[in-house]
Amino acid sequence: MIVVKTEANIGLRILACLIDYLIIYGFTFTLIFTIGVSDGNGTYSLKGFPAFVPVLFWLFMTVILESAFGATIGNSIAGLKAIPMSGRNINLSFTQSLKRHLLDPLDMFFFGLVAIITINNTEKNQRVGDLWADTIVVKTKDLKN
């Protein structure tokens, strides 16, 4: 096993999460209000295939970018990268990334309190999604190619 330094990096992780989810929610709200159907009371909704577009966009922004390019947009800007628990500087598999991000709602519960507590109380500074996917998050500058 390769030894890679892990740190809590709470501020950087929050920044990365905010960037990613501001993009995702911004896209989703824009989509809903531009092509959504109004019920006449100020509520808009998507019906049919357009209702799947936000889910597909989320999948692209989190799982596909992370597994294909090594990081989400937020992680890239924050200088972070999720890697396998082995510590090898390789991109996550689609399955590892999907596992990490399926648990984002749990990790973000109560303004991220679950993730913060988990990161600060695990040996490798992992959040719940990282524990399930057997991944760690490190600063890109700490990785050796």
N, C-alpha and C. Protein backbone atom coordinates (compact mmCIF):
# COMPACT_ATOMS: atom_id res chain seq x y z
N MET A 1 0.84 -1.18 0.00
CA MET A 1 0.00 0.00 0.00
C MET A 1 0.88 1.24 0.00
N ILE A 2 0.51 2.20 -0.79
CA ILE A 2 1.22 3.46 -0.88
C ILE A 2 0.68 4.38 0.22
N VAL A 3 1.57 5.08 0.88
CA VAL A 3 1.15 5.98 1.94
C VAL A 3 0.94 7.38 1.36
N VAL A 4 -0.27 7.88 1.51
CA VAL A 4 -0.61 9.22 1.06
C VAL A 4 -1.16 9.98 2.25
N LYS A 5 -0.70 11.18 2.43
CA LYS A 5 -1.12 12.01 3.54
C LYS A 5 -2.57 12.45 3.34
N THR A 6 -3.40 12.20 4.34
CA THR A 6 -4.77 12.71 4.30
C THR A 6 -4.94 13.75 5.41
N GLU A 7 -5.75 14.74 5.11
CA GLU A 7 -6.07 15.79 6.07
C GLU A 7 -7.57 16.04 6.00
N ALA A 8 -8.10 16.63 7.05
CA ALA A 8 -9.54 16.92 7.06
C ALA A 8 -9.92 17.89 5.93
N ASN A 9 -9.14 18.95 5.74
CA ASN A 9 -9.40 19.92 4.67
C ASN A 9 -10.88 20.34 4.60
N ILE A 10 -11.49 20.55 5.75
CA ILE A 10 -12.92 20.86 5.79
C ILE A 10 -13.27 22.08 4.94
N GLY A 11 -12.51 23.15 5.05
CA GLY A 11 -12.79 24.36 4.27
C GLY A 11 -12.74 24.12 2.78
N LEU A 12 -11.72 23.39 2.33
CA LEU A 12 -11.61 23.09 0.89
C LEU A 12 -12.73 22.17 0.42
N ARG A 13 -13.10 21.21 1.25
CA ARG A 13 -14.19 20.29 0.88
C ARG A 13 -15.52 21.03 0.79
N ILE A 14 -15.75 21.95 1.73
CA ILE A 14 -16.98 22.74 1.67
C ILE A 14 -16.99 23.60 0.41
N LEU A 15 -15.87 24.23 0.11
CA LEU A 15 -15.76 25.03 -1.11
C LEU A 15 -16.06 24.18 -2.35
N ALA A 16 -15.46 23.01 -2.44
CA ALA A 16 -15.68 22.12 -3.58
C ALA A 16 -17.15 21.73 -3.70
N CYS A 17 -17.75 21.39 -2.59
CA CYS A 17 -19.16 21.00 -2.57
C CYS A 17 -20.05 22.17 -3.00
N LEU A 18 -19.78 23.35 -2.47
CA LEU A 18 -20.57 24.53 -2.84
C LEU A 18 -20.48 24.81 -4.33
N ILE A 19 -19.29 24.74 -4.88
CA ILE A 19 -19.11 24.99 -6.32
C ILE A 19 -19.91 23.98 -7.14
N ASP A 20 -19.72 22.69 -6.83
CA ASP A 20 -20.40 21.64 -7.59
C ASP A 20 -21.92 21.77 -7.51
N TYR A 21 -22.42 21.93 -6.30
CA TYR A 21 -23.88 21.95 -6.14
C TYR A 21 -24.51 23.28 -6.53
N LEU A 22 -23.77 24.38 -6.51
CA LEU A 22 -24.30 25.63 -7.06
C LEU A 22 -24.50 25.49 -8.57
N ILE A 23 -23.56 24.82 -9.23
CA ILE A 23 -23.70 24.58 -10.67
C ILE A 23 -24.88 23.65 -10.93
N ILE A 24 -24.98 22.57 -10.17
CA ILE A 24 -26.06 21.60 -10.37
C ILE A 24 -27.42 22.23 -10.10
N TYR A 25 -27.56 22.91 -8.96
CA TYR A 25 -28.85 23.53 -8.64
C TYR A 25 -29.16 24.70 -9.57
N GLY A 26 -28.15 25.46 -9.94
CA GLY A 26 -28.37 26.56 -10.88
C GLY A 26 -28.91 26.05 -12.20
N PHE A 27 -28.30 24.99 -12.71
CA PHE A 27 -28.77 24.37 -13.95
C PHE A 27 -30.21 23.87 -13.79
N THR A 28 -30.46 23.17 -12.69
CA THR A 28 -31.78 22.58 -12.46
C THR A 28 -32.87 23.65 -12.36
N PHE A 29 -32.63 24.70 -11.56
CA PHE A 29 -33.63 25.76 -11.43
C PHE A 29 -33.84 26.50 -12.75
N THR A 30 -32.77 26.74 -13.49
CA THR A 30 -32.90 27.38 -14.79
C THR A 30 -33.74 26.53 -15.72
N LEU A 31 -33.49 25.24 -15.73
CA LEU A 31 -34.26 24.31 -16.57
C LEU A 31 -35.73 24.32 -16.18
N ILE A 32 -35.99 24.23 -14.89
CA ILE A 32 -37.39 24.18 -14.42
C ILE A 32 -38.13 25.45 -14.81
N PHE A 33 -37.50 26.60 -14.62
CA PHE A 33 -38.21 27.85 -14.90
C PHE A 33 -38.24 28.22 -16.37
N THR A 34 -37.41 27.58 -17.22
CA THR A 34 -37.45 27.90 -18.65
C THR A 34 -38.34 26.93 -19.43
N ILE A 35 -38.29 25.64 -19.09
CA ILE A 35 -39.12 24.69 -19.86
C ILE A 35 -40.15 23.99 -19.00
N GLY A 36 -40.17 24.30 -17.71
CA GLY A 36 -41.15 23.69 -16.81
C GLY A 36 -42.56 24.18 -17.09
N VAL A 37 -43.51 23.40 -16.61
CA VAL A 37 -44.92 23.71 -16.79
C VAL A 37 -45.44 24.35 -15.50
N SER A 38 -46.09 25.50 -15.63
CA SER A 38 -46.64 26.20 -14.46
C SER A 38 -48.02 25.65 -14.13
N ASP A 39 -48.32 25.56 -12.84
CA ASP A 39 -49.66 25.13 -12.43
C ASP A 39 -50.59 26.32 -12.22
N GLY A 40 -50.10 27.54 -12.48
CA GLY A 40 -50.90 28.74 -12.32
C GLY A 40 -50.78 29.37 -10.95
N ASN A 41 -50.19 28.66 -10.01
CA ASN A 41 -50.01 29.18 -8.65
C ASN A 41 -48.56 29.51 -8.36
N GLY A 42 -47.75 29.63 -9.40
CA GLY A 42 -46.35 29.96 -9.22
C GLY A 42 -45.44 28.75 -9.05
N THR A 43 -45.99 27.55 -9.17
CA THR A 43 -45.21 26.33 -9.05
C THR A 43 -44.93 25.79 -10.44
N TYR A 44 -43.69 25.40 -10.67
CA TYR A 44 -43.29 24.84 -11.96
C TYR A 44 -42.82 23.41 -11.75
N SER A 45 -43.03 22.57 -12.77
CA SER A 45 -42.56 21.19 -12.69
C SER A 45 -42.16 20.72 -14.08
N LEU A 46 -41.33 19.70 -14.08
CA LEU A 46 -40.92 19.06 -15.33
C LEU A 46 -41.66 17.74 -15.46
N LYS A 47 -42.10 17.44 -16.65
CA LYS A 47 -42.83 16.20 -16.89
C LYS A 47 -42.18 15.44 -18.03
N GLY A 48 -42.28 14.13 -17.98
CA GLY A 48 -41.72 13.29 -19.04
C GLY A 48 -40.20 13.27 -18.99
N PHE A 49 -39.58 13.15 -20.17
CA PHE A 49 -38.11 13.07 -20.23
C PHE A 49 -37.41 14.26 -19.59
N PRO A 50 -37.91 15.49 -19.76
CA PRO A 50 -37.22 16.61 -19.12
C PRO A 50 -37.04 16.45 -17.60
N ALA A 51 -37.90 15.66 -16.96
CA ALA A 51 -37.76 15.44 -15.52
C ALA A 51 -36.50 14.64 -15.19
N PHE A 52 -35.98 13.90 -16.16
CA PHE A 52 -34.76 13.12 -15.94
C PHE A 52 -33.48 13.93 -16.21
N VAL A 53 -33.62 15.04 -16.90
CA VAL A 53 -32.45 15.83 -17.27
C VAL A 53 -31.64 16.30 -16.04
N PRO A 54 -32.28 16.80 -14.97
CA PRO A 54 -31.48 17.18 -13.80
C PRO A 54 -30.71 16.00 -13.18
N VAL A 55 -31.31 14.83 -13.19
CA VAL A 55 -30.62 13.64 -12.66
C VAL A 55 -29.43 13.29 -13.54
N LEU A 56 -29.62 13.34 -14.84
CA LEU A 56 -28.52 13.06 -15.77
C LEU A 56 -27.41 14.10 -15.64
N PHE A 57 -27.79 15.36 -15.44
CA PHE A 57 -26.80 16.43 -15.25
C PHE A 57 -26.02 16.19 -13.96
N TRP A 58 -26.71 15.83 -12.88
CA TRP A 58 -26.04 15.50 -11.61
C TRP A 58 -25.04 14.36 -11.83
N LEU A 59 -25.48 13.31 -12.53
CA LEU A 59 -24.62 12.16 -12.80
C LEU A 59 -23.37 12.59 -13.57
N PHE A 60 -23.55 13.44 -14.56
CA PHE A 60 -22.43 13.93 -15.35
C PHE A 60 -21.49 14.78 -14.49
N MET A 61 -22.04 15.74 -13.75
CA MET A 61 -21.23 16.69 -12.97
C MET A 61 -20.46 16.02 -11.84
N THR A 62 -20.97 14.97 -11.28
CA THR A 62 -20.31 14.34 -10.14
C THR A 62 -19.58 13.07 -10.56
N VAL A 63 -20.31 12.08 -10.94
CA VAL A 63 -19.75 10.74 -11.19
C VAL A 63 -18.91 10.67 -12.46
N ILE A 64 -19.45 11.14 -13.56
CA ILE A 64 -18.74 10.99 -14.84
C ILE A 64 -17.49 11.86 -14.88
N LEU A 65 -17.60 13.13 -14.46
CA LEU A 65 -16.39 13.98 -14.45
C LEU A 65 -15.33 13.42 -13.51
N GLU A 66 -15.75 12.95 -12.33
CA GLU A 66 -14.78 12.44 -11.36
C GLU A 66 -14.11 11.17 -11.85
N SER A 67 -14.87 10.26 -12.44
CA SER A 67 -14.26 9.00 -12.90
C SER A 67 -13.48 9.18 -14.20
N ALA A 68 -13.88 10.10 -15.05
CA ALA A 68 -13.19 10.30 -16.32
C ALA A 68 -11.96 11.21 -16.21
N PHE A 69 -12.09 12.27 -15.42
CA PHE A 69 -11.03 13.28 -15.37
C PHE A 69 -10.33 13.40 -14.02
N GLY A 70 -10.76 12.63 -13.04
CA GLY A 70 -10.08 12.61 -11.75
C GLY A 70 -10.65 13.52 -10.69
N ALA A 71 -11.55 14.43 -11.07
CA ALA A 71 -12.13 15.33 -10.08
C ALA A 71 -13.36 16.02 -10.65
N THR A 72 -14.23 16.43 -9.76
CA THR A 72 -15.35 17.27 -10.17
C THR A 72 -14.80 18.68 -10.39
N ILE A 73 -15.61 19.57 -10.91
CA ILE A 73 -15.17 20.95 -11.11
C ILE A 73 -14.79 21.58 -9.77
N GLY A 74 -15.62 21.37 -8.76
CA GLY A 74 -15.35 21.92 -7.44
C GLY A 74 -14.05 21.40 -6.84
N ASN A 75 -13.83 20.10 -6.93
CA ASN A 75 -12.58 19.52 -6.40
C ASN A 75 -11.37 20.04 -7.17
N SER A 76 -11.51 20.21 -8.47
CA SER A 76 -10.39 20.74 -9.27
C SER A 76 -10.03 22.15 -8.82
N ILE A 77 -11.04 22.99 -8.64
CA ILE A 77 -10.79 24.36 -8.21
C ILE A 77 -10.20 24.40 -6.80
N ALA A 78 -10.67 23.51 -5.92
CA ALA A 78 -10.19 23.48 -4.54
C ALA A 78 -8.85 22.75 -4.39
N GLY A 79 -8.38 22.12 -5.47
CA GLY A 79 -7.10 21.40 -5.41
C GLY A 79 -7.19 20.08 -4.67
N LEU A 80 -8.34 19.41 -4.80
CA LEU A 80 -8.55 18.12 -4.15
C LEU A 80 -8.79 17.03 -5.18
N LYS A 81 -8.52 15.80 -4.79
CA LYS A 81 -8.80 14.66 -5.66
C LYS A 81 -9.18 13.47 -4.81
N ALA A 82 -10.23 12.78 -5.22
CA ALA A 82 -10.62 11.53 -4.58
C ALA A 82 -9.88 10.40 -5.28
N ILE A 83 -9.25 9.54 -4.48
CA ILE A 83 -8.49 8.42 -5.03
C ILE A 83 -8.86 7.15 -4.28
N PRO A 84 -8.54 5.99 -4.85
CA PRO A 84 -8.81 4.74 -4.14
C PRO A 84 -8.05 4.66 -2.82
N MET A 85 -8.55 3.90 -1.90
CA MET A 85 -7.95 3.74 -0.58
C MET A 85 -6.50 3.25 -0.67
N SER A 86 -6.14 2.60 -1.77
CA SER A 86 -4.77 2.10 -1.95
C SER A 86 -3.76 3.23 -1.97
N GLY A 87 -4.22 4.46 -2.22
CA GLY A 87 -3.33 5.61 -2.28
C GLY A 87 -2.70 5.82 -3.64
N ARG A 88 -3.06 4.99 -4.61
CA ARG A 88 -2.52 5.16 -5.96
C ARG A 88 -3.18 6.35 -6.64
N ASN A 89 -2.39 7.16 -7.31
CA ASN A 89 -2.88 8.34 -8.01
C ASN A 89 -3.52 7.93 -9.33
N ILE A 90 -4.71 7.34 -9.21
CA ILE A 90 -5.48 6.95 -10.39
C ILE A 90 -6.91 7.48 -10.20
N ASN A 91 -7.61 7.61 -11.32
CA ASN A 91 -9.00 8.05 -11.24
C ASN A 91 -9.86 6.95 -10.65
N LEU A 92 -10.91 7.36 -9.96
CA LEU A 92 -11.85 6.40 -9.41
C LEU A 92 -12.60 5.69 -10.53
N SER A 93 -13.05 4.49 -10.25
CA SER A 93 -13.91 3.80 -11.20
C SER A 93 -15.29 4.46 -11.15
N PHE A 94 -16.10 4.19 -12.14
CA PHE A 94 -17.46 4.72 -12.17
C PHE A 94 -18.21 4.29 -10.91
N THR A 95 -18.05 3.02 -10.53
CA THR A 95 -18.76 2.49 -9.36
C THR A 95 -18.30 3.17 -8.07
N GLN A 96 -17.00 3.37 -7.90
CA GLN A 96 -16.51 4.04 -6.71
C GLN A 96 -17.06 5.47 -6.62
N SER A 97 -17.03 6.17 -7.73
CA SER A 97 -17.53 7.54 -7.73
C SER A 97 -19.04 7.57 -7.48
N LEU A 98 -19.77 6.65 -8.08
CA LEU A 98 -21.22 6.59 -7.87
C LEU A 98 -21.53 6.33 -6.40
N LYS A 99 -20.81 5.41 -5.79
CA LYS A 99 -21.03 5.13 -4.36
C LYS A 99 -20.78 6.37 -3.52
N ARG A 100 -19.67 7.08 -3.79
CA ARG A 100 -19.35 8.30 -3.04
C ARG A 100 -20.50 9.30 -3.11
N HIS A 101 -21.00 9.51 -4.32
CA HIS A 101 -21.97 10.59 -4.52
C HIS A 101 -23.41 10.19 -4.25
N LEU A 102 -23.73 8.91 -4.24
CA LEU A 102 -25.08 8.50 -3.84
C LEU A 102 -25.34 8.87 -2.39
N LEU A 103 -24.28 8.94 -1.61
CA LEU A 103 -24.44 9.28 -0.20
C LEU A 103 -24.24 10.77 0.09
N ASP A 104 -24.12 11.60 -0.95
CA ASP A 104 -24.02 13.05 -0.75
C ASP A 104 -25.17 13.59 0.10
N PRO A 105 -26.42 13.19 -0.15
CA PRO A 105 -27.51 13.73 0.69
C PRO A 105 -27.31 13.42 2.18
N LEU A 106 -26.83 12.24 2.48
CA LEU A 106 -26.56 11.89 3.88
C LEU A 106 -25.40 12.72 4.43
N ASP A 107 -24.33 12.82 3.66
CA ASP A 107 -23.17 13.61 4.10
C ASP A 107 -23.51 15.08 4.27
N MET A 108 -24.42 15.59 3.47
CA MET A 108 -24.76 17.01 3.53
C MET A 108 -25.89 17.30 4.52
N PHE A 109 -26.39 16.26 5.17
CA PHE A 109 -27.49 16.45 6.10
C PHE A 109 -27.13 17.47 7.17
N PHE A 110 -28.07 18.31 7.49
CA PHE A 110 -27.92 19.38 8.48
C PHE A 110 -26.69 20.22 8.20
N PHE A 111 -26.65 20.75 6.97
CA PHE A 111 -25.58 21.66 6.52
C PHE A 111 -24.20 21.00 6.55
N GLY A 112 -24.14 19.72 6.27
CA GLY A 112 -22.86 19.02 6.19
C GLY A 112 -22.32 18.51 7.51
N LEU A 113 -23.12 18.60 8.55
CA LEU A 113 -22.66 18.17 9.87
C LEU A 113 -22.25 16.70 9.90
N VAL A 114 -22.99 15.85 9.20
CA VAL A 114 -22.65 14.42 9.17
C VAL A 114 -21.26 14.24 8.56
N ALA A 115 -21.00 14.89 7.44
CA ALA A 115 -19.68 14.77 6.78
C ALA A 115 -18.58 15.33 7.67
N ILE A 116 -18.80 16.48 8.27
CA ILE A 116 -17.77 17.11 9.11
C ILE A 116 -17.42 16.22 10.28
N ILE A 117 -18.44 15.67 10.94
CA ILE A 117 -18.19 14.78 12.08
C ILE A 117 -17.44 13.53 11.62
N THR A 118 -17.87 12.95 10.51
CA THR A 118 -17.23 11.72 10.01
C THR A 118 -15.79 11.99 9.58
N ILE A 119 -15.57 13.07 8.86
CA ILE A 119 -14.22 13.42 8.39
C ILE A 119 -13.28 13.62 9.58
N ASN A 120 -13.76 14.31 10.60
CA ASN A 120 -12.92 14.60 11.76
C ASN A 120 -12.71 13.41 12.69
N ASN A 121 -13.49 12.34 12.51
CA ASN A 121 -13.40 11.20 13.43
C ASN A 121 -13.02 9.89 12.78
N THR A 122 -12.53 9.93 11.54
CA THR A 122 -12.04 8.71 10.89
C THR A 122 -10.54 8.86 10.67
N GLU A 123 -9.85 7.75 10.70
CA GLU A 123 -8.39 7.75 10.59
C GLU A 123 -7.90 8.40 9.31
N LYS A 124 -8.59 8.17 8.20
CA LYS A 124 -8.18 8.70 6.90
C LYS A 124 -9.03 9.89 6.46
N ASN A 125 -9.70 10.54 7.41
CA ASN A 125 -10.51 11.73 7.13
C ASN A 125 -11.54 11.49 6.03
N GLN A 126 -12.30 10.41 6.17
CA GLN A 126 -13.29 10.05 5.16
C GLN A 126 -14.69 10.45 5.60
N ARG A 127 -15.50 10.84 4.61
CA ARG A 127 -16.92 11.06 4.89
C ARG A 127 -17.63 9.73 4.65
N VAL A 128 -18.93 9.68 4.89
CA VAL A 128 -19.68 8.42 4.78
C VAL A 128 -19.56 7.83 3.37
N GLY A 129 -19.70 8.68 2.34
CA GLY A 129 -19.57 8.20 0.96
C GLY A 129 -18.20 7.60 0.67
N ASP A 130 -17.15 8.19 1.23
CA ASP A 130 -15.80 7.66 1.06
C ASP A 130 -15.64 6.31 1.76
N LEU A 131 -16.22 6.17 2.92
CA LEU A 131 -16.14 4.90 3.64
C LEU A 131 -16.77 3.78 2.84
N TRP A 132 -17.95 4.05 2.25
CA TRP A 132 -18.65 3.04 1.46
C TRP A 132 -17.89 2.70 0.18
N ALA A 133 -17.29 3.69 -0.44
CA ALA A 133 -16.60 3.49 -1.72
C ALA A 133 -15.13 3.10 -1.57
N ASP A 134 -14.62 3.05 -0.34
CA ASP A 134 -13.20 2.76 -0.09
C ASP A 134 -12.30 3.77 -0.81
N THR A 135 -12.59 5.05 -0.59
CA THR A 135 -11.82 6.12 -1.21
C THR A 135 -11.35 7.11 -0.15
N ILE A 136 -10.37 7.91 -0.53
CA ILE A 136 -9.89 9.01 0.32
C ILE A 136 -9.79 10.26 -0.54
N VAL A 137 -9.81 11.40 0.11
CA VAL A 137 -9.66 12.68 -0.59
C VAL A 137 -8.37 13.32 -0.13
N VAL A 138 -7.55 13.70 -1.10
CA VAL A 138 -6.23 14.29 -0.80
C VAL A 138 -6.04 15.56 -1.61
N LYS A 139 -5.09 16.37 -1.19
CA LYS A 139 -4.72 17.53 -1.99
C LYS A 139 -3.94 17.06 -3.20
N THR A 140 -4.25 17.62 -4.35
CA THR A 140 -3.56 17.19 -5.57
C THR A 140 -2.05 17.44 -5.49
N LYS A 141 -1.65 18.48 -4.78
CA LYS A 141 -0.21 18.79 -4.66
C LYS A 141 0.53 17.73 -3.83
N ASP A 142 -0.19 16.95 -3.02
CA ASP A 142 0.44 15.90 -2.21
C ASP A 142 0.60 14.57 -2.96
N LEU A 143 0.04 14.50 -4.17
CA LEU A 143 0.12 13.26 -4.95
C LEU A 143 1.42 13.20 -5.74
N LYS A 144 1.96 12.01 -5.77
CA LYS A 144 3.15 11.77 -6.61
C LYS A 144 2.70 10.91 -7.77
N ASN A 145 3.06 11.29 -8.96
CA ASN A 145 2.67 10.50 -10.15
C ASN A 145 3.50 9.26 -10.31
